Amino acid sequence: MAAARSTRLVVPGRKGLRAGLLGLLLLWGLAHAAAFEDFSQLHIHNTTGETLLYMFISPSASRSWGVDIVADDNGLASGERFAAFLPLSRQECLVYDLLGRSVTGSFYLLRGKELCGGWNELTLGAETLFESRMSMNLGRLTVHNDTGHDVLFLYTAVDRHELLGPSILRAGRQLRAFGTAEFLYAHEGLDVLYLWALDSGSGVHELRVDIDTAVDEYEIVLQADTRER
């Protein structure tokens, strides 16, 4: 087996982003700038009795779990909760699956949960323990923000026309200008990853990363010239 390796990418901007998505992301950015807490949110409560190191939320029809949204070395302790922003307008409802992985390697699973624009809350409890055997190989994605603006939201999808999951930047957190953030992603079913970043200057950056199973670390650089025009 070939040794795993890492790669650093400065990805050029890709024109042709769907007009509806671009307009919606810009609308979200303006709305959040005015009322950051008053938008479509998902609040997740951990009552499993274990600390969850990783958590993945993806559209139910997706072939991959995508990117971890906990993004915290300490994980999410039992009894704690956190919030993520959803890419949903007030009138939209979409169906998602939620998977948590604990410090002991156990998996907790919720399938087919309808989430709508506005306020949503899900609980991962002991009863959601997934009894069947499951394995997951993780890779690391490092994002450098060299745009000169804070990044407010960072959405991902495993297909350019697939529904987006929640922003992998947790509610209340931003990727500061010239800052760096690290995320973990699930290799299974993932051969390409699309990212859409919305910065505080209302710029949208669309990036594509081709995933190789022999590579377990990627570095992405957001720059002024990755911004959609």
C-alpha atoms as a PDB file:
ATOM      1  CA  MET A   1       0.000   0.000   0.000  1.00  0.00           C
ATOM      2  CA  ALA A   2       1.343   3.427  -0.914  1.00  0.00           C
ATOM      3  CA  ALA A   3       2.231   5.686   1.994  1.00  0.00           C
ATOM      4  CA  ALA A   4      -0.258   8.452   2.665  1.00  0.00           C
ATOM      5  CA  ARG A   5       0.880  11.884   1.629  1.00  0.00           C
ATOM      6  CA  SER A   6      -0.284  15.472   1.791  1.00  0.00           C
ATOM      7  CA  THR A   7      -0.770  18.140  -0.826  1.00  0.00           C
ATOM      8  CA  ARG A   8      -1.162  21.927  -0.789  1.00  0.00           C
ATOM      9  CA  LEU A   9      -3.484  23.582  -3.271  1.00  0.00           C
ATOM     10  CA  VAL A  10      -4.053  27.173  -4.304  1.00  0.00           C
ATOM     11  CA  VAL A  11      -7.278  26.618  -6.179  1.00  0.00           C
ATOM     12  CA  PRO A  12      -8.302  29.149  -8.837  1.00  0.00           C
ATOM     13  CA  GLY A  13     -11.823  30.523  -8.783  1.00  0.00           C
ATOM     14  CA  ARG A  14     -14.324  28.562 -10.872  1.00  0.00           C
ATOM     15  CA  LYS A  15     -16.872  30.554 -12.810  1.00  0.00           C
ATOM     16  CA  GLY A  16     -20.338  29.226 -13.432  1.00  0.00           C
ATOM     17  CA  LEU A  17     -21.504  28.876  -9.836  1.00  0.00           C
ATOM     18  CA  ARG A  18     -25.249  28.357  -9.905  1.00  0.00           C
ATOM     19  CA  ALA A  19     -26.893  31.769  -9.860  1.00  0.00           C
ATOM     20  CA  GLY A  20     -29.469  30.707  -7.287  1.00  0.00           C
ATOM     21  CA  LEU A  21     -26.829  29.447  -4.868  1.00  0.00           C
ATOM     22  CA  LEU A  22     -24.667  32.536  -5.324  1.00  0.00           C
ATOM     23  CA  GLY A  23     -27.624  34.826  -4.708  1.00  0.00           C
ATOM     24  CA  LEU A  24     -28.721  32.834  -1.672  1.00  0.00           C
ATOM     25  CA  LEU A  25     -25.243  32.845  -0.133  1.00  0.00           C
ATOM     26  CA  LEU A  26     -24.957  36.591  -0.621  1.00  0.00           C
ATOM     27  CA  LEU A  27     -28.400  37.050   0.907  1.00  0.00           C
ATOM     28  CA  TRP A  28     -27.393  34.921   3.898  1.00  0.00           C
ATOM     29  CA  GLY A  29     -24.256  36.959   4.348  1.00  0.00           C
ATOM     30  CA  LEU A  30     -26.123  40.251   4.412  1.00  0.00           C
ATOM     31  CA  ALA A  31     -28.781  38.865   6.726  1.00  0.00           C
ATOM     32  CA  HIS A  32     -26.252  37.427   9.152  1.00  0.00           C
ATOM     33  CA  ALA A  33     -24.231  40.602   9.187  1.00  0.00           C
ATOM     34  CA  ALA A  34     -27.343  42.356  10.489  1.00  0.00           C
ATOM     35  CA  ALA A  35     -28.679  39.610  12.786  1.00  0.00           C
ATOM     36  CA  PHE A  36     -26.152  36.812  13.122  1.00  0.00           C
ATOM     37  CA  GLU A  37     -28.189  34.808  15.608  1.00  0.00           C
ATOM     38  CA  ASP A  38     -31.578  35.106  13.891  1.00  0.00           C
ATOM     39  CA  PHE A  39     -31.386  32.679  10.985  1.00  0.00           C
ATOM     40  CA  SER A  40     -31.615  28.983  10.114  1.00  0.00           C
ATOM     41  CA  GLN A  41     -29.759  27.109  12.829  1.00  0.00           C
ATOM     42  CA  LEU A  42     -29.351  23.512  13.931  1.00  0.00           C
ATOM     43  CA  HIS A  43     -28.757  22.942  17.648  1.00  0.00           C
ATOM     44  CA  ILE A  44     -27.337  19.510  18.496  1.00  0.00           C
ATOM     45  CA  HIS A  45     -27.496  18.115  22.031  1.00  0.00           C
ATOM     46  CA  ASN A  46     -25.209  15.248  23.072  1.00  0.00           C
ATOM     47  CA  THR A  47     -26.841  12.983  25.679  1.00  0.00           C
ATOM     48  CA  THR A  48     -25.024   9.772  24.704  1.00  0.00           C
ATOM     49  CA  GLY A  49     -23.043   9.571  27.947  1.00  0.00           C
ATOM     50  CA  GLU A  50     -19.835   9.846  25.909  1.00  0.00           C
ATOM     51  CA  THR A  51     -17.774  12.647  24.429  1.00  0.00           C
ATOM     52  CA  LEU A  52     -18.319  12.865  20.675  1.00  0.00           C
ATOM     53  CA  LEU A  53     -15.052  13.606  18.904  1.00  0.00           C
ATOM     54  CA  TYR A  54     -16.538  13.941  15.421  1.00  0.00           C
ATOM     55  CA  MET A  55     -19.945  14.690  13.970  1.00  0.00           C
ATOM     56  CA  PHE A  56     -21.078  14.544  10.368  1.00  0.00           C
ATOM     57  CA  ILE A  57     -24.300  15.854   8.833  1.00  0.00           C
ATOM     58  CA  SER A  58     -25.117  15.170   5.214  1.00  0.00           C
ATOM     59  CA  PRO A  59     -28.176  15.106   2.951  1.00  0.00           C
ATOM     60  CA  SER A  60     -29.802  11.678   3.267  1.00  0.00           C
ATOM     61  CA  ALA A  61     -29.239  10.963  -0.436  1.00  0.00           C
ATOM     62  CA  SER A  62     -25.500  11.726  -0.263  1.00  0.00           C
ATOM     63  CA  ARG A  63     -22.905   9.035  -0.954  1.00  0.00           C
ATOM     64  CA  SER A  64     -20.476  10.446   1.635  1.00  0.00           C
ATOM     65  CA  TRP A  65     -20.529  11.828   5.169  1.00  0.00           C
ATOM     66  CA  GLY A  66     -18.307  14.721   4.097  1.00  0.00           C
ATOM     67  CA  VAL A  67     -16.630  17.008   6.658  1.00  0.00           C
ATOM     68  CA  ASP A  68     -16.742  16.923  10.472  1.00  0.00           C
ATOM     69  CA  ILE A  69     -18.614  19.910  11.930  1.00  0.00           C
ATOM     70  CA  VAL A  70     -17.384  19.658  15.542  1.00  0.00           C
ATOM     71  CA  ALA A  71     -13.884  20.863  14.565  1.00  0.00           C
ATOM     72  CA  ASP A  72     -12.688  20.912  18.165  1.00  0.00           C
ATOM     73  CA  ASP A  73      -9.873  18.813  19.650  1.00  0.00           C
ATOM     74  CA  ASN A  74     -11.880  18.421  22.866  1.00  0.00           C
ATOM     75  CA  GLY A  75     -14.970  17.167  21.044  1.00  0.00           C
ATOM     76  CA  LEU A  76     -18.508  17.638  22.359  1.00  0.00           C
ATOM     77  CA  ALA A  77     -18.919  16.329  25.923  1.00  0.00           C
ATOM     78  CA  SER A  78     -22.090  14.538  26.983  1.00  0.00           C
ATOM     79  CA  GLY A  79     -24.595  17.124  28.168  1.00  0.00           C
ATOM     80  CA  GLU A  80     -23.178  19.817  25.910  1.00  0.00           C
ATOM     81  CA  ARG A  81     -24.715  21.253  22.767  1.00  0.00           C
ATOM     82  CA  PHE A  82     -23.584  23.387  19.889  1.00  0.00           C
ATOM     83  CA  ALA A  83     -25.127  25.199  16.947  1.00  0.00           C
ATOM     84  CA  ALA A  84     -24.438  25.158  13.219  1.00  0.00           C
ATOM     85  CA  PHE A  85     -25.870  27.313  10.444  1.00  0.00           C
ATOM     86  CA  LEU A  86     -28.074  25.639   7.836  1.00  0.00           C
ATOM     87  CA  PRO A  87     -28.213  26.582   4.131  1.00  0.00           C
ATOM     88  CA  LEU A  88     -32.004  26.896   4.248  1.00  0.00           C
ATOM     89  CA  SER A  89     -34.347  29.788   3.689  1.00  0.00           C
ATOM     90  CA  ARG A  90     -37.387  30.196   5.933  1.00  0.00           C
ATOM     91  CA  GLN A  91     -39.593  28.329   3.457  1.00  0.00           C
ATOM     92  CA  GLU A  92     -37.302  25.318   2.874  1.00  0.00           C
ATOM     93  CA  CYS A  93     -37.202  21.870   4.470  1.00  0.00           C
ATOM     94  CA  LEU A  94     -34.619  19.193   3.603  1.00  0.00           C
ATOM     95  CA  VAL A  95     -33.841  15.708   4.930  1.00  0.00           C
ATOM     96  CA  TYR A  96     -30.478  15.000   6.570  1.00  0.00           C
ATOM     97  CA  ASP A  97     -28.632  12.203   8.394  1.00  0.00           C
ATOM     98  CA  LEU A  98     -26.500  12.812  11.495  1.00  0.00           C
ATOM     99  CA  LEU A  99     -23.582  10.630  12.616  1.00  0.00           C
ATOM    100  CA  GLY A 100     -21.471  11.035  15.756  1.00  0.00           C
ATOM    101  CA  ARG A 101     -18.297   9.138  16.642  1.00  0.00           C
ATOM    102  CA  SER A 102     -17.278   8.914  20.297  1.00  0.00           C
ATOM    103  CA  VAL A 103     -13.927   8.714  22.076  1.00  0.00           C
ATOM    104  CA  THR A 104     -14.438   4.946  22.454  1.00  0.00           C
ATOM    105  CA  GLY A 105     -15.027   4.476  18.717  1.00  0.00           C
ATOM    106  CA  SER A 106     -18.796   3.999  19.038  1.00  0.00           C
ATOM    107  CA  PHE A 107     -21.098   5.498  16.411  1.00  0.00           C
ATOM    108  CA  TYR A 108     -24.425   7.218  17.061  1.00  0.00           C
ATOM    109  CA  LEU A 109     -26.784   7.634  14.125  1.00  0.00           C
ATOM    110  CA  LEU A 110     -29.953   9.558  13.267  1.00  0.00           C
ATOM    111  CA  ARG A 111     -31.417   9.043   9.792  1.00  0.00           C
ATOM    112  CA  GLY A 112     -33.995  10.901   7.745  1.00  0.00           C
ATOM    113  CA  LYS A 113     -34.447  13.980   9.920  1.00  0.00           C
ATOM    114  CA  GLU A 114     -36.321  16.835   8.273  1.00  0.00           C
ATOM    115  CA  LEU A 115     -34.694  20.185   8.990  1.00  0.00           C
ATOM    116  CA  CYS A 116     -36.321  23.461   8.026  1.00  0.00           C
ATOM    117  CA  GLY A 117     -35.441  27.123   7.788  1.00  0.00           C
ATOM    118  CA  GLY A 118     -35.510  28.739  11.217  1.00  0.00           C
ATOM    119  CA  TRP A 119     -34.799  26.859  14.453  1.00  0.00           C
ATOM    120  CA  ASN A 120     -33.988  23.117  14.538  1.00  0.00           C
ATOM    121  CA  GLU A 121     -32.871  20.879  17.387  1.00  0.00           C
ATOM    122  CA  LEU A 122     -31.626  17.284  17.330  1.00  0.00           C
ATOM    123  CA  THR A 123     -30.497  15.056  20.196  1.00  0.00           C
ATOM    124  CA  LEU A 124     -27.974  12.250  19.911  1.00  0.00           C
ATOM    125  CA  GLY A 125     -28.772  10.004  22.867  1.00  0.00           C
ATOM    126  CA  ALA A 126     -27.727   6.552  24.048  1.00  0.00           C
ATOM    127  CA  GLU A 127     -30.679   5.070  22.133  1.00  0.00           C
ATOM    128  CA  THR A 128     -29.136   6.191  18.819  1.00  0.00           C
ATOM    129  CA  LEU A 129     -26.119   3.866  19.276  1.00  0.00           C
ATOM    130  CA  PHE A 130     -25.441   2.139  15.944  1.00  0.00           C
ATOM    131  CA  GLU A 131     -25.063  -1.553  16.777  1.00  0.00           C
ATOM    132  CA  SER A 132     -23.772  -2.767  13.407  1.00  0.00           C
ATOM    133  CA  ARG A 133     -20.091  -2.742  12.567  1.00  0.00           C
ATOM    134  CA  MET A 134     -18.897   0.522  11.026  1.00  0.00           C
ATOM    135  CA  SER A 135     -15.479   1.854  10.103  1.00  0.00           C
ATOM    136  CA  MET A 136     -14.386   5.312   9.024  1.00  0.00           C
ATOM    137  CA  ASN A 137     -11.083   6.561   7.637  1.00  0.00           C
ATOM    138  CA  LEU A 138     -10.424  10.240   8.217  1.00  0.00           C
ATOM    139  CA  GLY A 139      -8.394  12.778   6.290  1.00  0.00           C
ATOM    140  CA  ARG A 140      -7.410  16.314   7.248  1.00  0.00           C
ATOM    141  CA  LEU A 141      -8.346  19.501   5.396  1.00  0.00           C
ATOM    142  CA  THR A 142      -6.511  22.717   6.298  1.00  0.00           C
ATOM    143  CA  VAL A 143      -8.026  25.973   5.043  1.00  0.00           C
ATOM    144  CA  HIS A 144      -5.922  29.144   4.904  1.00  0.00           C
ATOM    145  CA  ASN A 145      -7.836  32.402   4.549  1.00  0.00           C
ATOM    146  CA  ASP A 146      -5.694  34.864   2.595  1.00  0.00           C
ATOM    147  CA  THR A 147      -8.653  36.831   1.196  1.00  0.00           C
ATOM    148  CA  GLY A 148      -8.217  39.832   3.490  1.00  0.00           C
ATOM    149  CA  HIS A 149     -11.781  39.308   4.810  1.00  0.00           C
ATOM    150  CA  ASP A 150     -13.208  37.139   7.567  1.00  0.00           C
ATOM    151  CA  VAL A 151     -14.968  34.021   6.253  1.00  0.00           C
ATOM    152  CA  LEU A 152     -18.440  33.797   7.811  1.00  0.00           C
ATOM    153  CA  PHE A 153     -19.650  30.490   6.360  1.00  0.00           C
ATOM    154  CA  LEU A 154     -17.962  27.503   4.759  1.00  0.00           C
ATOM    155  CA  TYR A 155     -20.300  25.029   3.062  1.00  0.00           C
ATOM    156  CA  THR A 156     -19.338  21.727   1.464  1.00  0.00           C
ATOM    157  CA  ALA A 157     -20.848  19.158  -0.891  1.00  0.00           C
ATOM    158  CA  VAL A 158     -19.553  15.977  -2.522  1.00  0.00           C
ATOM    159  CA  ASP A 159     -21.252  16.828  -5.814  1.00  0.00           C
ATOM    160  CA  ARG A 160     -21.593  20.250  -7.396  1.00  0.00           C
ATOM    161  CA  HIS A 161     -25.343  19.801  -7.768  1.00  0.00           C
ATOM    162  CA  GLU A 162     -25.952  18.122  -4.428  1.00  0.00           C
ATOM    163  CA  LEU A 163     -27.692  19.743  -1.490  1.00  0.00           C
ATOM    164  CA  LEU A 164     -25.353  21.465   0.938  1.00  0.00           C
ATOM    165  CA  GLY A 165     -24.898  20.465   4.542  1.00  0.00           C
ATOM    166  CA  PRO A 166     -24.522  22.909   7.458  1.00  0.00           C
ATOM    167  CA  SER A 167     -21.631  25.341   7.490  1.00  0.00           C
ATOM    168  CA  ILE A 168     -18.570  23.563   8.890  1.00  0.00           C
ATOM    169  CA  LEU A 169     -17.764  26.783  10.758  1.00  0.00           C
ATOM    170  CA  ARG A 170     -19.736  26.466  13.990  1.00  0.00           C
ATOM    171  CA  ALA A 171     -22.220  29.202  14.854  1.00  0.00           C
ATOM    172  CA  GLY A 172     -20.466  32.135  16.469  1.00  0.00           C
ATOM    173  CA  ARG A 173     -17.097  31.243  14.929  1.00  0.00           C
ATOM    174  CA  GLN A 174     -15.476  32.780  11.891  1.00  0.00           C
ATOM    175  CA  LEU A 175     -12.295  32.075   9.967  1.00  0.00           C
ATOM    176  CA  ARG A 176     -10.454  35.320  10.498  1.00  0.00           C
ATOM    177  CA  ALA A 177      -8.623  37.101   7.711  1.00  0.00           C
ATOM    178  CA  PHE A 178      -5.200  35.470   7.250  1.00  0.00           C
ATOM    179  CA  GLY A 179      -6.195  32.779   9.737  1.00  0.00           C
ATOM    180  CA  THR A 180      -6.165  28.987   9.413  1.00  0.00           C
ATOM    181  CA  ALA A 181      -8.674  26.296  10.365  1.00  0.00           C
ATOM    182  CA  GLU A 182      -8.414  22.507  10.279  1.00  0.00           C
ATOM    183  CA  PHE A 183     -11.200  20.038   9.572  1.00  0.00           C
ATOM    184  CA  LEU A 184     -11.498  16.263   9.300  1.00  0.00           C
ATOM    185  CA  TYR A 185     -13.363  14.524   6.496  1.00  0.00           C
ATOM    186  CA  ALA A 186     -14.565  10.956   5.926  1.00  0.00           C
ATOM    187  CA  HIS A 187     -12.776   9.227   3.042  1.00  0.00           C
ATOM    188  CA  GLU A 188     -15.579   6.731   2.377  1.00  0.00           C
ATOM    189  CA  GLY A 189     -17.499   7.561  -0.797  1.00  0.00           C
ATOM    190  CA  LEU A 190     -15.549  10.789  -1.297  1.00  0.00           C
ATOM    191  CA  ASP A 191     -13.669  11.420  -4.541  1.00  0.00           C
ATOM    192  CA  VAL A 192     -14.301  15.149  -4.903  1.00  0.00           C
ATOM    193  CA  LEU A 193     -15.164  17.872  -2.410  1.00  0.00           C
ATOM    194  CA  TYR A 194     -16.683  21.235  -3.300  1.00  0.00           C
ATOM    195  CA  LEU A 195     -16.422  24.173  -0.917  1.00  0.00           C
ATOM    196  CA  TRP A 196     -18.250  27.492  -0.967  1.00  0.00           C
ATOM    197  CA  ALA A 197     -16.902  30.191   1.339  1.00  0.00           C
ATOM    198  CA  LEU A 198     -18.744  33.437   2.021  1.00  0.00           C
ATOM    199  CA  ASP A 199     -16.548  36.285   3.250  1.00  0.00           C
ATOM    200  CA  SER A 200     -17.467  39.436   5.153  1.00  0.00           C
ATOM    201  CA  GLY A 201     -17.075  41.482   1.973  1.00  0.00           C
ATOM    202  CA  SER A 202     -20.011  39.518   0.450  1.00  0.00           C
ATOM    203  CA  GLY A 203     -17.609  37.595  -1.763  1.00  0.00           C
ATOM    204  CA  VAL A 204     -18.279  33.930  -2.563  1.00  0.00           C
ATOM    205  CA  HIS A 205     -15.349  31.587  -3.212  1.00  0.00           C
ATOM    206  CA  GLU A 206     -15.988  28.266  -4.936  1.00  0.00           C
ATOM    207  CA  LEU A 207     -13.285  25.595  -4.719  1.00  0.00           C
ATOM    208  CA  ARG A 208     -12.988  22.015  -5.895  1.00  0.00           C
ATOM    209  CA  VAL A 209     -10.656  19.443  -4.348  1.00  0.00           C
ATOM    210  CA  ASP A 210     -10.128  16.079  -6.040  1.00  0.00           C
ATOM    211  CA  ILE A 211      -9.686  13.510  -3.272  1.00  0.00           C
ATOM    212  CA  ASP A 212      -7.163  10.679  -3.655  1.00  0.00           C
ATOM    213  CA  THR A 213      -7.442   7.759  -1.213  1.00  0.00           C
ATOM    214  CA  ALA A 214      -3.627   7.696  -0.994  1.00  0.00           C
ATOM    215  CA  VAL A 215      -3.606  11.303   0.248  1.00  0.00           C
ATOM    216  CA  ASP A 216      -4.838  12.018   3.758  1.00  0.00           C
ATOM    217  CA  GLU A 217      -3.992  15.717   4.106  1.00  0.00           C
ATOM    218  CA  TYR A 218      -4.995  18.648   1.908  1.00  0.00           C
ATOM    219  CA  GLU A 219      -4.278  22.344   2.314  1.00  0.00           C
ATOM    220  CA  ILE A 220      -6.557  24.879   0.636  1.00  0.00           C
ATOM    221  CA  VAL A 221      -5.738  28.558   0.220  1.00  0.00           C
ATOM    222  CA  LEU A 222      -8.568  31.063  -0.193  1.00  0.00           C
ATOM    223  CA  GLN A 223      -7.268  34.140  -1.985  1.00  0.00           C
ATOM    224  CA  ALA A 224      -8.689  37.259  -3.586  1.00  0.00           C
ATOM    225  CA  ASP A 225      -8.514  35.564  -7.001  1.00  0.00           C
ATOM    226  CA  THR A 226     -10.612  32.577  -5.860  1.00  0.00           C
ATOM    227  CA  ARG A 227     -13.560  34.929  -5.461  1.00  0.00           C
ATOM    228  CA  GLU A 228     -16.460  34.522  -7.880  1.00  0.00           C
ATOM    229  CA  ARG A 229     -16.906  37.373 -10.333  1.00  0.00           C
END
